Amino acid sequence: MEQPSTLEKKQDHLQHHFVDSDQQFESAKMGMWIFLVTEILFFGGLFAAYIVFRSWYPELFLLASDHLDTFWGAVNTVVLISSSLTVAMAIRSAQLNQQKGIIINLAITIALAFVFMVIKYFEYTEKFAVGIFPGGYYTYEGIAHDQANIFFSIYYMMTGLHGIHVVVGIGLMVWLLLRARKGHFSSEYYTPVEITGLYWHLVDIIWIFLFPLLYLID
């Protein structure tokens, strides 16, 4: 049986409707940018709601923000910024054909994402324990404002949706890690690594906005 040539092996990733790898890469990248724009619009609606309610209840936001743990919020900010660096390093490793570098940096990124989620878990459970729930389930009496549930409804909505995006990112990077272990990525083909990296950078940027808006109100 005739063995496939080296060129054919390198082109295994190329879909039939693309002329070459460059066209496929640019199309995938453009598709991801379009998706990221829709994500920005989605979170933009939440940010607009935040602005409106904060303008209506400025004192509430000042009082309620004091019940968020700024220290752990800052730790999570550092964690996500570090994860942006490691995912960028994974992309660079793919460009340089450094298989071990791809695997190590993806693994570190996944670990940092899990650290973020564990910290959020403890933040949430601490609030639930004293009755700080969203909407009509709010029973906490430690804030001297009868609309305190509004702030925490916004808090849970914004951080909860962000958390869902983190979980999706973890799933994507686990998939990339499994493929990287099989040697699927190289300087010839690293499109999934790069577009997942773009998604992860957006997740990190959103948190960089959420942290001061929710935790650093003064």
Foldseek 3Di string as FASTA:
>chain_A
DDDDDPVVVLCPVPDPVDPALVRVLVVLQVVLVVVVVVVCVVVVVLVVVLVVVCVVCVVLLVQLLVLADLVLLVVLLVLLVVLLVLLVQLLVCQLVFNLVSVLVSLVSSLVSLVVNVVSVVVRVVVCVVQQLDADPSRDHDPGPDPVNNVLSNSVCVLVVVLNVLSVVLSVLSVVVNVCSVVVNTHSSDDSSSVSSSVSSVSSSVSSVVVSCSRNVRD
